[in-house]
Protein backbone atom coordinates (compact mmCIF):
# COMPACT_ATOMS: atom_id res chain seq x y z
CA MET A 1 8.90 -18.68 11.32
CA ILE A 2 9.61 -17.31 7.87
CA LYS A 3 13.19 -17.82 6.80
CA PHE A 4 14.82 -15.03 4.82
CA ASN A 5 17.51 -15.67 2.27
CA LYS A 6 20.41 -13.35 1.54
CA THR A 7 18.52 -11.73 -1.34
CA ALA A 8 15.73 -10.60 0.99
CA ILE A 9 18.27 -9.20 3.45
CA VAL A 10 20.18 -7.35 0.72
CA LEU A 11 16.90 -5.96 -0.61
CA ALA A 12 15.91 -4.76 2.85
CA VAL A 13 19.28 -3.05 3.30
CA ALA A 14 18.97 -1.46 -0.15
CA ILE A 15 15.53 -0.12 0.72
CA PHE A 16 16.91 1.15 4.03
CA MET A 17 19.73 2.99 2.28
CA ALA A 18 17.39 4.35 -0.40
CA GLY A 19 15.19 5.79 2.35
CA GLY A 20 17.72 8.61 2.71
CA THR A 21 16.76 9.89 -0.74
CA ALA A 22 13.07 10.26 0.10
CA THR A 23 11.46 13.64 0.72
CA PHE A 24 11.87 15.00 4.24
CA ALA A 25 8.31 14.09 5.24
CA GLN A 26 8.72 10.54 3.97
CA ASP A 27 12.31 10.29 5.17
CA ASN A 28 11.56 9.80 8.86
CA LEU A 29 8.74 7.35 8.18
CA VAL A 30 10.75 5.31 5.67
CA LYS A 31 13.81 5.18 7.92
CA SER A 32 11.72 4.26 10.95
CA LEU A 33 9.94 1.44 9.13
CA ASN A 34 13.12 0.10 7.59
CA GLU A 35 15.12 0.36 10.81
CA ASN A 36 12.42 -1.78 12.42
CA LEU A 37 12.55 -4.17 9.46
CA ILE A 38 16.34 -4.49 9.63
CA TYR A 39 16.19 -5.00 13.39
CA TRP A 40 13.52 -7.68 12.99
CA LEU A 41 15.48 -9.45 10.25
CA LEU A 42 18.61 -9.41 12.38
CA MET A 43 16.80 -10.69 15.47
CA GLU A 44 14.93 -13.38 13.53
CA ASN A 45 18.06 -14.61 11.79
CA LYS A 46 20.53 -13.97 14.63
CA LEU A 47 22.75 -12.17 12.14
CA THR A 48 25.71 -9.91 12.69
CA LEU A 49 26.85 -7.17 10.33
């Protein structure tokens, strides 16, 4: 499987946090997509925050 480095994880988290600044219509979609991305990254890398 693809291995993610810390930069990719930090970028994903930054995108996730930035999702809160999107317009209301985009907000739910962005957060949903990024929550799934974060979850996938955590599961793939067996990480803990």
